[in-house]
């Protein structure tokens, strides 16, 4: 099967399958209401910083597609939506396009539509430093995502089977790259040990890509009628934020992605240490079915919801969300206890 057909299949099955079967886990994160917020709606500041990049909104339209002529219009609509909403935008993997020197316009259209926007390029951890720089140049990108997707690759019959040496190659890309480099998971999350390893090597930006949203192992299984063994594999978004936030502290930047669908989801992610929250599947569905305006409306609605949650927690800005009281229930609380994260101490420290 051609790479172009695979790109079309990814959109088809992403829309058909939706989220899951895991949830994001964010339903087990809860705020403590503040009845005296001492704020007015106009006092709320949604701006954030990610890897030194100033963002007017903490929302990202995350990596979805590219690399086939037939998806050019999809990327055009996503760029138009991001522009209308003032959100950042990431493209799907450019690795194949750069490798084959083809279908560049399916990506370049996003910069054409969003000339002043914050745009992230995207490549594989297999890319050479030169190929990574070509991906950045293609979009005049503000940052580069290096995606890690071993579970997806293993499900694909034509997927990569070479995973040894990727860490060293990523370091070579980091050394050569002229923009911030974001290490990105694609739906299975990141654990504390690997984040520590990456921080020690000089990486500071992470897109945690937790389970609970668009599920690429499930998409690949549906495409081929293959095993569903890995459909529920990985750390969900709440779990991976506990892990990542627990080791990053002030040393790194976190983009929370994976089943983020509302302003409430985004607020919980920001409270758990994220600087940026990404949406993909629901924005893609709106863009494909109803157009760019509908997709933009979905993002702006989430921004309005986030403002409400910030007011109700007494949070004038994004960074202050990290200090607001939280408590944890259900499977997430069990996970924290098993992994040695002190949920009670975390809750008490925010009183």
C-alpha atoms as a PDB file:
ATOM      1  CA  UNK A   1       0.000   0.000   0.000  1.00  0.00           C
ATOM      2  CA  UNK A   2       1.316   3.472  -0.877  1.00  0.00           C
ATOM      3  CA  UNK A   3       2.186   6.026   1.792  1.00  0.00           C
ATOM      4  CA  UNK A   4      -0.399   8.368   0.240  1.00  0.00           C
ATOM      5  CA  UNK A   5      -3.159   5.793   0.681  1.00  0.00           C
ATOM      6  CA  UNK A   6      -2.080   5.229   4.271  1.00  0.00           C
ATOM      7  CA  UNK A   7      -2.512   8.948   4.975  1.00  0.00           C
ATOM      8  CA  UNK A   8      -6.055   8.835   3.606  1.00  0.00           C
ATOM      9  CA  UNK A   9      -6.809   5.720   5.640  1.00  0.00           C
ATOM     10  CA  UNK A  10      -5.619   7.421   8.814  1.00  0.00           C
ATOM     11  CA  UNK A  11      -8.196  10.176   8.363  1.00  0.00           C
ATOM     12  CA  UNK A  12     -10.921   7.696   7.427  1.00  0.00           C
ATOM     13  CA  UNK A  13     -10.411   5.487  10.467  1.00  0.00           C
ATOM     14  CA  UNK A  14      -9.681   8.339  12.879  1.00  0.00           C
ATOM     15  CA  UNK A  15     -13.143   9.694  12.078  1.00  0.00           C
ATOM     16  CA  UNK A  16     -14.757   6.260  12.081  1.00  0.00           C
ATOM     17  CA  UNK A  17     -13.271   4.953  15.348  1.00  0.00           C
ATOM     18  CA  UNK A  18     -13.212   8.156  17.392  1.00  0.00           C
ATOM     19  CA  UNK A  19     -11.511   8.144  20.796  1.00  0.00           C
ATOM     20  CA  UNK A  20     -10.625   5.220  23.015  1.00  0.00           C
ATOM     21  CA  UNK A  21     -11.122   2.498  24.067  1.00  0.00           C
ATOM     22  CA  UNK A  22      -9.151   4.029  26.953  1.00  0.00           C
ATOM     23  CA  UNK A  23     -10.372   7.336  28.328  1.00  0.00           C
ATOM     24  CA  UNK A  24      -8.018  10.241  28.908  1.00  0.00           C
ATOM     25  CA  UNK A  25      -8.285   9.666  32.673  1.00  0.00           C
ATOM     26  CA  UNK A  26      -9.024  13.352  33.155  1.00  0.00           C
ATOM     27  CA  UNK A  27     -12.459  12.460  34.519  1.00  0.00           C
ATOM     28  CA  UNK A  28     -10.617  11.393  37.700  1.00  0.00           C
ATOM     29  CA  UNK A  29      -8.994  14.813  38.202  1.00  0.00           C
ATOM     30  CA  UNK A  30     -11.151  17.302  40.127  1.00  0.00           C
ATOM     31  CA  UNK A  31     -10.902  20.966  41.087  1.00  0.00           C
ATOM     32  CA  UNK A  32     -11.882  22.438  44.444  1.00  0.00           C
ATOM     33  CA  UNK A  33     -14.360  25.266  43.876  1.00  0.00           C
ATOM     34  CA  UNK A  34     -13.325  28.802  44.880  1.00  0.00           C
ATOM     35  CA  UNK A  35     -16.384  30.796  45.960  1.00  0.00           C
ATOM     36  CA  UNK A  36     -14.317  34.007  46.318  1.00  0.00           C
ATOM     37  CA  UNK A  37     -12.214  34.147  43.155  1.00  0.00           C
ATOM     38  CA  UNK A  38     -11.676  37.949  43.292  1.00  0.00           C
ATOM     39  CA  UNK A  39     -11.457  38.055  39.493  1.00  0.00           C
ATOM     40  CA  UNK A  40     -13.515  39.397  36.618  1.00  0.00           C
ATOM     41  CA  UNK A  41     -13.665  37.638  33.244  1.00  0.00           C
ATOM     42  CA  UNK A  42     -11.652  40.421  31.607  1.00  0.00           C
ATOM     43  CA  UNK A  43      -8.818  39.764  34.089  1.00  0.00           C
ATOM     44  CA  UNK A  44      -8.147  36.290  32.657  1.00  0.00           C
ATOM     45  CA  UNK A  45      -4.959  35.982  30.580  1.00  0.00           C
ATOM     46  CA  UNK A  46      -4.804  32.911  28.309  1.00  0.00           C
ATOM     47  CA  UNK A  47      -1.289  33.543  27.006  1.00  0.00           C
ATOM     48  CA  UNK A  48       1.394  30.945  27.622  1.00  0.00           C
ATOM     49  CA  UNK A  49       4.979  30.100  26.729  1.00  0.00           C
ATOM     50  CA  UNK A  50       6.189  26.860  25.220  1.00  0.00           C
ATOM     51  CA  UNK A  51       9.872  26.353  24.526  1.00  0.00           C
ATOM     52  CA  UNK A  52      10.397  30.099  24.542  1.00  0.00           C
ATOM     53  CA  UNK A  53       7.561  30.680  22.056  1.00  0.00           C
ATOM     54  CA  UNK A  54       4.893  33.149  23.164  1.00  0.00           C
ATOM     55  CA  UNK A  55       1.390  31.782  22.557  1.00  0.00           C
ATOM     56  CA  UNK A  56      -1.728  33.932  22.774  1.00  0.00           C
ATOM     57  CA  UNK A  57      -3.783  30.818  23.520  1.00  0.00           C
ATOM     58  CA  UNK A  58      -2.842  27.532  25.234  1.00  0.00           C
ATOM     59  CA  UNK A  59      -4.511  25.518  22.456  1.00  0.00           C
ATOM     60  CA  UNK A  60      -2.774  23.577  19.695  1.00  0.00           C
ATOM     61  CA  UNK A  61      -4.412  21.976  16.665  1.00  0.00           C
ATOM     62  CA  UNK A  62      -2.209  18.916  16.841  1.00  0.00           C
ATOM     63  CA  UNK A  63      -0.542  16.785  14.177  1.00  0.00           C
ATOM     64  CA  UNK A  64      -3.057  15.025  11.963  1.00  0.00           C
ATOM     65  CA  UNK A  65      -2.098  14.607   8.325  1.00  0.00           C
ATOM     66  CA  UNK A  66      -0.172  15.576   5.190  1.00  0.00           C
ATOM     67  CA  UNK A  67       1.897  13.841   2.536  1.00  0.00           C
ATOM     68  CA  UNK A  68      -0.835  13.197  -0.017  1.00  0.00           C
ATOM     69  CA  UNK A  69      -2.393  15.532  -2.550  1.00  0.00           C
ATOM     70  CA  UNK A  70      -5.868  14.489  -1.443  1.00  0.00           C
ATOM     71  CA  UNK A  71      -5.341  15.767   2.129  1.00  0.00           C
ATOM     72  CA  UNK A  72      -4.189  19.247   1.088  1.00  0.00           C
ATOM     73  CA  UNK A  73      -7.697  20.637   1.542  1.00  0.00           C
ATOM     74  CA  UNK A  74      -7.914  19.104   5.031  1.00  0.00           C
ATOM     75  CA  UNK A  75      -4.711  20.846   6.085  1.00  0.00           C
ATOM     76  CA  UNK A  76      -5.954  24.068   4.497  1.00  0.00           C
ATOM     77  CA  UNK A  77      -9.104  23.944   6.625  1.00  0.00           C
ATOM     78  CA  UNK A  78      -7.151  23.108   9.781  1.00  0.00           C
ATOM     79  CA  UNK A  79      -4.842  26.078   9.175  1.00  0.00           C
ATOM     80  CA  UNK A  80      -7.803  28.371   8.548  1.00  0.00           C
ATOM     81  CA  UNK A  81      -9.426  27.157  11.770  1.00  0.00           C
ATOM     82  CA  UNK A  82      -6.253  27.649  13.809  1.00  0.00           C
ATOM     83  CA  UNK A  83      -5.860  31.158  12.385  1.00  0.00           C
ATOM     84  CA  UNK A  84      -9.447  32.134  13.219  1.00  0.00           C
ATOM     85  CA  UNK A  85      -9.049  30.835  16.777  1.00  0.00           C
ATOM     86  CA  UNK A  86      -5.504  32.128  17.311  1.00  0.00           C
ATOM     87  CA  UNK A  87      -4.238  28.633  18.113  1.00  0.00           C
ATOM     88  CA  UNK A  88      -0.912  27.017  17.266  1.00  0.00           C
ATOM     89  CA  UNK A  89      -0.877  24.304  14.582  1.00  0.00           C
ATOM     90  CA  UNK A  90       1.171  21.141  14.008  1.00  0.00           C
ATOM     91  CA  UNK A  91       1.237  19.125  10.790  1.00  0.00           C
ATOM     92  CA  UNK A  92       1.390  15.370  10.370  1.00  0.00           C
ATOM     93  CA  UNK A  93       4.671  13.588   9.733  1.00  0.00           C
ATOM     94  CA  UNK A  94       6.761  15.131   6.942  1.00  0.00           C
ATOM     95  CA  UNK A  95       9.291  12.298   7.036  1.00  0.00           C
ATOM     96  CA  UNK A  96       8.035  10.481   3.939  1.00  0.00           C
ATOM     97  CA  UNK A  97       7.590  13.675   1.935  1.00  0.00           C
ATOM     98  CA  UNK A  98      11.155  14.800   2.635  1.00  0.00           C
ATOM     99  CA  UNK A  99      12.537  11.307   2.006  1.00  0.00           C
ATOM    100  CA  UNK A 100      10.782  11.054  -1.363  1.00  0.00           C
ATOM    101  CA  UNK A 101      10.883  14.768  -2.227  1.00  0.00           C
ATOM    102  CA  UNK A 102       7.169  14.773  -2.996  1.00  0.00           C
ATOM    103  CA  UNK A 103       3.819  16.234  -1.847  1.00  0.00           C
ATOM    104  CA  UNK A 104       5.405  19.251  -0.165  1.00  0.00           C
ATOM    105  CA  UNK A 105       2.410  21.448  -0.932  1.00  0.00           C
ATOM    106  CA  UNK A 106       0.102  19.306   1.214  1.00  0.00           C
ATOM    107  CA  UNK A 107       2.102  20.744   4.133  1.00  0.00           C
ATOM    108  CA  UNK A 108       3.149  24.135   2.764  1.00  0.00           C
ATOM    109  CA  UNK A 109      -0.504  25.104   2.443  1.00  0.00           C
ATOM    110  CA  UNK A 110      -0.675  25.620   6.225  1.00  0.00           C
ATOM    111  CA  UNK A 111       1.925  28.408   6.131  1.00  0.00           C
ATOM    112  CA  UNK A 112       0.229  29.860   3.063  1.00  0.00           C
ATOM    113  CA  UNK A 113      -3.055  30.069   4.982  1.00  0.00           C
ATOM    114  CA  UNK A 114      -1.519  31.024   8.342  1.00  0.00           C
ATOM    115  CA  UNK A 115       1.498  33.228   7.533  1.00  0.00           C
ATOM    116  CA  UNK A 116       1.867  34.716  11.016  1.00  0.00           C
ATOM    117  CA  UNK A 117       0.859  31.655  13.025  1.00  0.00           C
ATOM    118  CA  UNK A 118       2.859  29.405  15.330  1.00  0.00           C
ATOM    119  CA  UNK A 119       3.406  26.227  13.313  1.00  0.00           C
ATOM    120  CA  UNK A 120       5.203  23.033  14.331  1.00  0.00           C
ATOM    121  CA  UNK A 121       6.948  20.817  11.796  1.00  0.00           C
ATOM    122  CA  UNK A 122       6.925  17.047  12.378  1.00  0.00           C
ATOM    123  CA  UNK A 123       9.348  14.269  11.526  1.00  0.00           C
ATOM    124  CA  UNK A 124      10.361  10.773  12.568  1.00  0.00           C
ATOM    125  CA  UNK A 125      13.086   9.919  15.065  1.00  0.00           C
ATOM    126  CA  UNK A 126      14.612   8.060  12.095  1.00  0.00           C
ATOM    127  CA  UNK A 127      15.194  11.282  10.146  1.00  0.00           C
ATOM    128  CA  UNK A 128      18.707  12.531   9.563  1.00  0.00           C
ATOM    129  CA  UNK A 129      19.495  16.004  10.917  1.00  0.00           C
ATOM    130  CA  UNK A 130      19.433  17.281   7.337  1.00  0.00           C
ATOM    131  CA  UNK A 131      15.973  15.792   6.741  1.00  0.00           C
ATOM    132  CA  UNK A 132      14.727  17.303   9.992  1.00  0.00           C
ATOM    133  CA  UNK A 133      15.997  20.729   8.969  1.00  0.00           C
ATOM    134  CA  UNK A 134      14.287  20.329   5.585  1.00  0.00           C
ATOM    135  CA  UNK A 135      10.974  19.701   7.383  1.00  0.00           C
ATOM    136  CA  UNK A 136      11.454  22.923   9.360  1.00  0.00           C
ATOM    137  CA  UNK A 137      12.396  24.875   6.240  1.00  0.00           C
ATOM    138  CA  UNK A 138       9.357  23.560   4.336  1.00  0.00           C
ATOM    139  CA  UNK A 139       7.018  25.393   6.730  1.00  0.00           C
ATOM    140  CA  UNK A 140       9.280  28.119   8.074  1.00  0.00           C
ATOM    141  CA  UNK A 141       8.309  26.335  11.286  1.00  0.00           C
ATOM    142  CA  UNK A 142       8.557  27.750  14.794  1.00  0.00           C
ATOM    143  CA  UNK A 143       9.405  24.358  16.332  1.00  0.00           C
ATOM    144  CA  UNK A 144       9.965  20.734  15.318  1.00  0.00           C
ATOM    145  CA  UNK A 145       8.120  17.712  16.679  1.00  0.00           C
ATOM    146  CA  UNK A 146      10.039  14.419  16.637  1.00  0.00           C
ATOM    147  CA  UNK A 147       7.411  11.729  16.957  1.00  0.00           C
ATOM    148  CA  UNK A 148       7.797   8.417  18.778  1.00  0.00           C
ATOM    149  CA  UNK A 149       5.240   5.775  17.776  1.00  0.00           C
ATOM    150  CA  UNK A 150       6.643   2.261  18.359  1.00  0.00           C
ATOM    151  CA  UNK A 151       3.229   0.721  19.125  1.00  0.00           C
ATOM    152  CA  UNK A 152       1.765   2.014  15.866  1.00  0.00           C
ATOM    153  CA  UNK A 153       4.787   0.843  13.862  1.00  0.00           C
ATOM    154  CA  UNK A 154       4.575  -2.673  15.308  1.00  0.00           C
ATOM    155  CA  UNK A 155       0.924  -3.039  14.292  1.00  0.00           C
ATOM    156  CA  UNK A 156       1.595  -1.928  10.699  1.00  0.00           C
ATOM    157  CA  UNK A 157       2.849  -4.746   8.451  1.00  0.00           C
ATOM    158  CA  UNK A 158       4.931  -2.155   6.590  1.00  0.00           C
ATOM    159  CA  UNK A 159       5.952  -0.357   9.791  1.00  0.00           C
ATOM    160  CA  UNK A 160       9.494   0.300  10.956  1.00  0.00           C
ATOM    161  CA  UNK A 161      11.224  -2.390  13.025  1.00  0.00           C
ATOM    162  CA  UNK A 162      14.411  -0.471  13.832  1.00  0.00           C
ATOM    163  CA  UNK A 163      14.137   1.182  17.247  1.00  0.00           C
ATOM    164  CA  UNK A 164      17.711   0.862  18.484  1.00  0.00           C
ATOM    165  CA  UNK A 165      19.760   4.037  18.168  1.00  0.00           C
ATOM    166  CA  UNK A 166      16.812   6.440  17.953  1.00  0.00           C
ATOM    167  CA  UNK A 167      17.804   8.280  21.122  1.00  0.00           C
ATOM    168  CA  UNK A 168      21.281   9.036  19.781  1.00  0.00           C
ATOM    169  CA  UNK A 169      19.812  10.137  16.463  1.00  0.00           C
ATOM    170  CA  UNK A 170      17.383  12.471  18.213  1.00  0.00           C
ATOM    171  CA  UNK A 171      20.327  14.053  20.012  1.00  0.00           C
ATOM    172  CA  UNK A 172      22.010  14.688  16.664  1.00  0.00           C
ATOM    173  CA  UNK A 173      18.848  16.407  15.424  1.00  0.00           C
ATOM    174  CA  UNK A 174      18.692  18.492  18.610  1.00  0.00           C
ATOM    175  CA  UNK A 175      22.310  19.585  18.165  1.00  0.00           C
ATOM    176  CA  UNK A 176      21.690  20.764  14.592  1.00  0.00           C
ATOM    177  CA  UNK A 177      18.184  22.188  14.848  1.00  0.00           C
ATOM    178  CA  UNK A 178      17.672  25.948  14.778  1.00  0.00           C
ATOM    179  CA  UNK A 179      14.229  25.903  16.468  1.00  0.00           C
ATOM    180  CA  UNK A 180      12.893  24.264  19.660  1.00  0.00           C
ATOM    181  CA  UNK A 181      12.659  20.465  19.395  1.00  0.00           C
ATOM    182  CA  UNK A 182       9.568  18.777  20.845  1.00  0.00           C
ATOM    183  CA  UNK A 183       9.653  15.072  21.684  1.00  0.00           C
ATOM    184  CA  UNK A 184       6.177  13.797  20.841  1.00  0.00           C
ATOM    185  CA  UNK A 185       4.354  10.584  21.676  1.00  0.00           C
ATOM    186  CA  UNK A 186       1.405   9.732  19.448  1.00  0.00           C
ATOM    187  CA  UNK A 187      -1.084   8.189  21.859  1.00  0.00           C
ATOM    188  CA  UNK A 188       0.695   5.897  24.336  1.00  0.00           C
ATOM    189  CA  UNK A 189       2.060   8.500  26.733  1.00  0.00           C
ATOM    190  CA  UNK A 190       5.431   9.112  28.381  1.00  0.00           C
ATOM    191  CA  UNK A 191       6.733   7.711  31.663  1.00  0.00           C
ATOM    192  CA  UNK A 192       8.950   9.526  34.147  1.00  0.00           C
ATOM    193  CA  UNK A 193      12.062   7.439  33.435  1.00  0.00           C
ATOM    194  CA  UNK A 194      12.170   8.306  29.729  1.00  0.00           C
ATOM    195  CA  UNK A 195      11.409  11.973  30.410  1.00  0.00           C
ATOM    196  CA  UNK A 196      14.320  12.102  32.872  1.00  0.00           C
ATOM    197  CA  UNK A 197      16.559  10.523  30.222  1.00  0.00           C
ATOM    198  CA  UNK A 198      15.478  13.111  27.663  1.00  0.00           C
ATOM    199  CA  UNK A 199      15.875  16.041  30.063  1.00  0.00           C
ATOM    200  CA  UNK A 200      19.401  14.905  30.907  1.00  0.00           C
ATOM    201  CA  UNK A 201      20.218  14.879  27.175  1.00  0.00           C
ATOM    202  CA  UNK A 202      19.052  18.472  26.755  1.00  0.00           C
ATOM    203  CA  UNK A 203      15.469  18.054  25.538  1.00  0.00           C
ATOM    204  CA  UNK A 204      13.089  20.453  27.266  1.00  0.00           C
ATOM    205  CA  UNK A 205       9.830  20.285  25.263  1.00  0.00           C
ATOM    206  CA  UNK A 206       7.451  17.334  25.425  1.00  0.00           C
ATOM    207  CA  UNK A 207       4.126  16.520  23.769  1.00  0.00           C
ATOM    208  CA  UNK A 208       3.039  13.715  26.081  1.00  0.00           C
ATOM    209  CA  UNK A 209       0.457  12.200  23.684  1.00  0.00           C
ATOM    210  CA  UNK A 210      -1.446  10.142  26.239  1.00  0.00           C
ATOM    211  CA  UNK A 211      -3.942   7.398  25.483  1.00  0.00           C
ATOM    212  CA  UNK A 212      -7.604   8.335  25.382  1.00  0.00           C
ATOM    213  CA  UNK A 213      -7.813  10.247  22.127  1.00  0.00           C
ATOM    214  CA  UNK A 214      -7.070   9.324  18.521  1.00  0.00           C
ATOM    215  CA  UNK A 215      -5.739   5.758  18.710  1.00  0.00           C
ATOM    216  CA  UNK A 216      -3.187   4.910  16.022  1.00  0.00           C
ATOM    217  CA  UNK A 217      -2.637   1.252  17.021  1.00  0.00           C
ATOM    218  CA  UNK A 218      -6.418   0.788  16.747  1.00  0.00           C
ATOM    219  CA  UNK A 219      -6.465   2.625  13.412  1.00  0.00           C
ATOM    220  CA  UNK A 220      -3.746   0.355  12.016  1.00  0.00           C
ATOM    221  CA  UNK A 221      -5.523  -2.742  13.341  1.00  0.00           C
ATOM    222  CA  UNK A 222      -8.750  -1.624  11.655  1.00  0.00           C
ATOM    223  CA  UNK A 223      -6.959  -0.926   8.373  1.00  0.00           C
ATOM    224  CA  UNK A 224      -5.534  -4.422   8.180  1.00  0.00           C
ATOM    225  CA  UNK A 225      -8.005  -6.450  10.223  1.00  0.00           C
ATOM    226  CA  UNK A 226      -5.045  -7.178  12.489  1.00  0.00           C
ATOM    227  CA  UNK A 227      -4.584  -7.777  16.203  1.00  0.00           C
ATOM    228  CA  UNK A 228      -6.324  -5.500  18.689  1.00  0.00           C
ATOM    229  CA  UNK A 229      -3.722  -6.404  21.333  1.00  0.00           C
ATOM    230  CA  UNK A 230      -2.409  -2.843  21.614  1.00  0.00           C
ATOM    231  CA  UNK A 231      -5.723  -0.985  21.333  1.00  0.00           C
ATOM    232  CA  UNK A 232      -5.647  -0.212  25.075  1.00  0.00           C
ATOM    233  CA  UNK A 233      -1.872   0.031  25.408  1.00  0.00           C
ATOM    234  CA  UNK A 234      -0.166   2.973  27.063  1.00  0.00           C
ATOM    235  CA  UNK A 235      -0.491   5.571  29.773  1.00  0.00           C
ATOM    236  CA  UNK A 236      -3.571   7.736  29.491  1.00  0.00           C
ATOM    237  CA  UNK A 237      -3.265  11.511  29.438  1.00  0.00           C
ATOM    238  CA  UNK A 238      -3.833  12.067  33.157  1.00  0.00           C
ATOM    239  CA  UNK A 239      -1.324   9.348  34.060  1.00  0.00           C
ATOM    240  CA  UNK A 240       1.346  10.666  31.729  1.00  0.00           C
ATOM    241  CA  UNK A 241       0.858  14.220  33.021  1.00  0.00           C
ATOM    242  CA  UNK A 242       1.402  12.964  36.575  1.00  0.00           C
ATOM    243  CA  UNK A 243       4.584  11.222  35.403  1.00  0.00           C
ATOM    244  CA  UNK A 244       5.883  14.040  33.203  1.00  0.00           C
ATOM    245  CA  UNK A 245       4.929  16.919  35.475  1.00  0.00           C
ATOM    246  CA  UNK A 246       6.476  15.080  38.398  1.00  0.00           C
ATOM    247  CA  UNK A 247       9.939  15.166  36.833  1.00  0.00           C
ATOM    248  CA  UNK A 248       9.880  18.255  34.584  1.00  0.00           C
ATOM    249  CA  UNK A 249       9.144  20.857  37.219  1.00  0.00           C
ATOM    250  CA  UNK A 250      10.452  24.182  35.924  1.00  0.00           C
ATOM    251  CA  UNK A 251      13.022  22.482  33.674  1.00  0.00           C
ATOM    252  CA  UNK A 252      10.704  21.585  30.810  1.00  0.00           C
ATOM    253  CA  UNK A 253       7.627  22.513  28.817  1.00  0.00           C
ATOM    254  CA  UNK A 254       4.677  20.151  28.459  1.00  0.00           C
ATOM    255  CA  UNK A 255       2.022  19.951  25.756  1.00  0.00           C
ATOM    256  CA  UNK A 256      -0.893  17.837  26.959  1.00  0.00           C
ATOM    257  CA  UNK A 257      -2.548  15.850  24.177  1.00  0.00           C
ATOM    258  CA  UNK A 258      -4.721  12.765  23.991  1.00  0.00           C
ATOM    259  CA  UNK A 259      -8.478  13.035  24.401  1.00  0.00           C
ATOM    260  CA  UNK A 260      -8.507  16.766  25.220  1.00  0.00           C
ATOM    261  CA  UNK A 261     -11.913  17.787  23.920  1.00  0.00           C
ATOM    262  CA  UNK A 262     -13.234  20.614  26.137  1.00  0.00           C
ATOM    263  CA  UNK A 263     -12.107  23.600  28.128  1.00  0.00           C
ATOM    264  CA  UNK A 264     -12.546  21.516  31.284  1.00  0.00           C
ATOM    265  CA  UNK A 265     -10.134  18.906  29.927  1.00  0.00           C
ATOM    266  CA  UNK A 266      -7.675  21.672  29.081  1.00  0.00           C
ATOM    267  CA  UNK A 267      -7.998  23.263  32.526  1.00  0.00           C
ATOM    268  CA  UNK A 268      -7.184  19.956  34.220  1.00  0.00           C
ATOM    269  CA  UNK A 269      -4.148  19.478  31.986  1.00  0.00           C
ATOM    270  CA  UNK A 270      -2.862  22.970  32.764  1.00  0.00           C
ATOM    271  CA  UNK A 271      -3.378  22.371  36.479  1.00  0.00           C
ATOM    272  CA  UNK A 272      -1.287  19.189  36.166  1.00  0.00           C
ATOM    273  CA  UNK A 273       1.631  21.145  34.740  1.00  0.00           C
ATOM    274  CA  UNK A 274       0.957  21.550  31.026  1.00  0.00           C
ATOM    275  CA  UNK A 275       1.852  24.769  29.223  1.00  0.00           C
ATOM    276  CA  UNK A 276      -0.105  23.906  26.083  1.00  0.00           C
ATOM    277  CA  UNK A 277      -3.059  21.631  25.309  1.00  0.00           C
ATOM    278  CA  UNK A 278      -3.629  19.946  21.969  1.00  0.00           C
ATOM    279  CA  UNK A 279      -6.780  18.835  20.202  1.00  0.00           C
ATOM    280  CA  UNK A 280      -6.815  16.733  17.048  1.00  0.00           C
ATOM    281  CA  UNK A 281      -9.648  14.267  16.452  1.00  0.00           C
ATOM    282  CA  UNK A 282     -12.582  16.539  17.224  1.00  0.00           C
ATOM    283  CA  UNK A 283     -11.096  19.458  15.269  1.00  0.00           C
ATOM    284  CA  UNK A 284     -10.388  17.152  12.329  1.00  0.00           C
ATOM    285  CA  UNK A 285     -13.970  15.878  12.374  1.00  0.00           C
ATOM    286  CA  UNK A 286     -15.393  19.400  12.400  1.00  0.00           C
ATOM    287  CA  UNK A 287     -13.048  20.555   9.617  1.00  0.00           C
ATOM    288  CA  UNK A 288     -13.786  17.578   7.348  1.00  0.00           C
ATOM    289  CA  UNK A 289     -17.538  17.469   7.899  1.00  0.00           C
ATOM    290  CA  UNK A 290     -18.466  21.114   8.456  1.00  0.00           C
ATOM    291  CA  UNK A 291     -15.537  23.284   7.360  1.00  0.00           C
ATOM    292  CA  UNK A 292     -12.952  25.607   8.877  1.00  0.00           C
ATOM    293  CA  UNK A 293     -15.453  27.897  10.615  1.00  0.00           C
ATOM    294  CA  UNK A 294     -16.978  24.984  12.531  1.00  0.00           C
ATOM    295  CA  UNK A 295     -13.533  23.770  13.581  1.00  0.00           C
ATOM    296  CA  UNK A 296     -12.566  27.275  14.716  1.00  0.00           C
ATOM    297  CA  UNK A 297     -15.788  27.577  16.706  1.00  0.00           C
ATOM    298  CA  UNK A 298     -14.951  24.349  18.530  1.00  0.00           C
ATOM    299  CA  UNK A 299     -11.577  25.787  19.602  1.00  0.00           C
ATOM    300  CA  UNK A 300     -12.973  29.172  20.655  1.00  0.00           C
ATOM    301  CA  UNK A 301     -15.701  27.410  22.654  1.00  0.00           C
ATOM    302  CA  UNK A 302     -13.008  25.485  24.517  1.00  0.00           C
ATOM    303  CA  UNK A 303     -11.182  28.778  25.176  1.00  0.00           C
ATOM    304  CA  UNK A 304     -14.369  30.294  26.615  1.00  0.00           C
ATOM    305  CA  UNK A 305     -14.883  27.218  28.808  1.00  0.00           C
ATOM    306  CA  UNK A 306     -11.290  27.463  30.018  1.00  0.00           C
ATOM    307  CA  UNK A 307     -11.799  31.100  31.008  1.00  0.00           C
ATOM    308  CA  UNK A 308     -14.796  30.072  33.134  1.00  0.00           C
ATOM    309  CA  UNK A 309     -12.776  27.361  34.882  1.00  0.00           C
ATOM    310  CA  UNK A 310      -9.901  29.751  35.501  1.00  0.00           C
ATOM    311  CA  UNK A 311     -12.256  32.246  37.109  1.00  0.00           C
ATOM    312  CA  UNK A 312     -13.906  29.562  39.263  1.00  0.00           C
ATOM    313  CA  UNK A 313     -10.495  28.487  40.560  1.00  0.00           C
ATOM    314  CA  UNK A 314      -9.222  32.045  41.066  1.00  0.00           C
ATOM    315  CA  UNK A 315      -6.570  31.705  38.356  1.00  0.00           C
ATOM    316  CA  UNK A 316      -5.707  34.963  36.553  1.00  0.00           C
ATOM    317  CA  UNK A 317      -3.210  33.257  34.228  1.00  0.00           C
ATOM    318  CA  UNK A 318      -2.082  29.860  32.970  1.00  0.00           C
ATOM    319  CA  UNK A 319       0.875  29.408  35.333  1.00  0.00           C
ATOM    320  CA  UNK A 320      -1.281  30.074  38.395  1.00  0.00           C
ATOM    321  CA  UNK A 321      -3.431  27.051  37.488  1.00  0.00           C
ATOM    322  CA  UNK A 322      -0.594  24.821  38.733  1.00  0.00           C
ATOM    323  CA  UNK A 323      -1.135  26.016  42.306  1.00  0.00           C
ATOM    324  CA  UNK A 324      -4.874  25.466  42.477  1.00  0.00           C
ATOM    325  CA  UNK A 325      -6.355  22.705  44.665  1.00  0.00           C
ATOM    326  CA  UNK A 326      -6.990  19.339  43.031  1.00  0.00           C
ATOM    327  CA  UNK A 327      -8.026  15.917  44.212  1.00  0.00           C
ATOM    328  CA  UNK A 328      -7.918  12.528  42.517  1.00  0.00           C
ATOM    329  CA  UNK A 329     -10.285   9.567  42.436  1.00  0.00           C
ATOM    330  CA  UNK A 330     -10.766   6.112  40.928  1.00  0.00           C
ATOM    331  CA  UNK A 331      -8.175   4.361  38.780  1.00  0.00           C
ATOM    332  CA  UNK A 332      -5.977   7.463  38.607  1.00  0.00           C
ATOM    333  CA  UNK A 333      -5.628   7.480  42.389  1.00  0.00           C
ATOM    334  CA  UNK A 334      -4.748   3.765  42.281  1.00  0.00           C
ATOM    335  CA  UNK A 335      -2.150   4.465  39.593  1.00  0.00           C
ATOM    336  CA  UNK A 336      -0.563   7.251  41.629  1.00  0.00           C
ATOM    337  CA  UNK A 337      -0.310   5.051  44.705  1.00  0.00           C
ATOM    338  CA  UNK A 338       1.234   2.162  42.759  1.00  0.00           C
ATOM    339  CA  UNK A 339       3.746   4.421  41.011  1.00  0.00           C
ATOM    340  CA  UNK A 340       4.776   6.253  44.175  1.00  0.00           C
ATOM    341  CA  UNK A 341       3.205   9.634  43.434  1.00  0.00           C
ATOM    342  CA  UNK A 342       1.809  11.031  46.699  1.00  0.00           C
ATOM    343  CA  UNK A 343      -1.714  12.151  45.808  1.00  0.00           C
ATOM    344  CA  UNK A 344      -2.474  13.360  49.328  1.00  0.00           C
ATOM    345  CA  UNK A 345       0.692  15.443  49.534  1.00  0.00           C
ATOM    346  CA  UNK A 346       0.031  16.877  46.078  1.00  0.00           C
ATOM    347  CA  UNK A 347      -3.496  17.849  47.124  1.00  0.00           C
ATOM    348  CA  UNK A 348      -2.328  19.300  50.461  1.00  0.00           C
ATOM    349  CA  UNK A 349       0.422  21.356  48.844  1.00  0.00           C
ATOM    350  CA  UNK A 350      -2.245  23.206  46.867  1.00  0.00           C
ATOM    351  CA  UNK A 351      -4.614  24.069  49.719  1.00  0.00           C
END
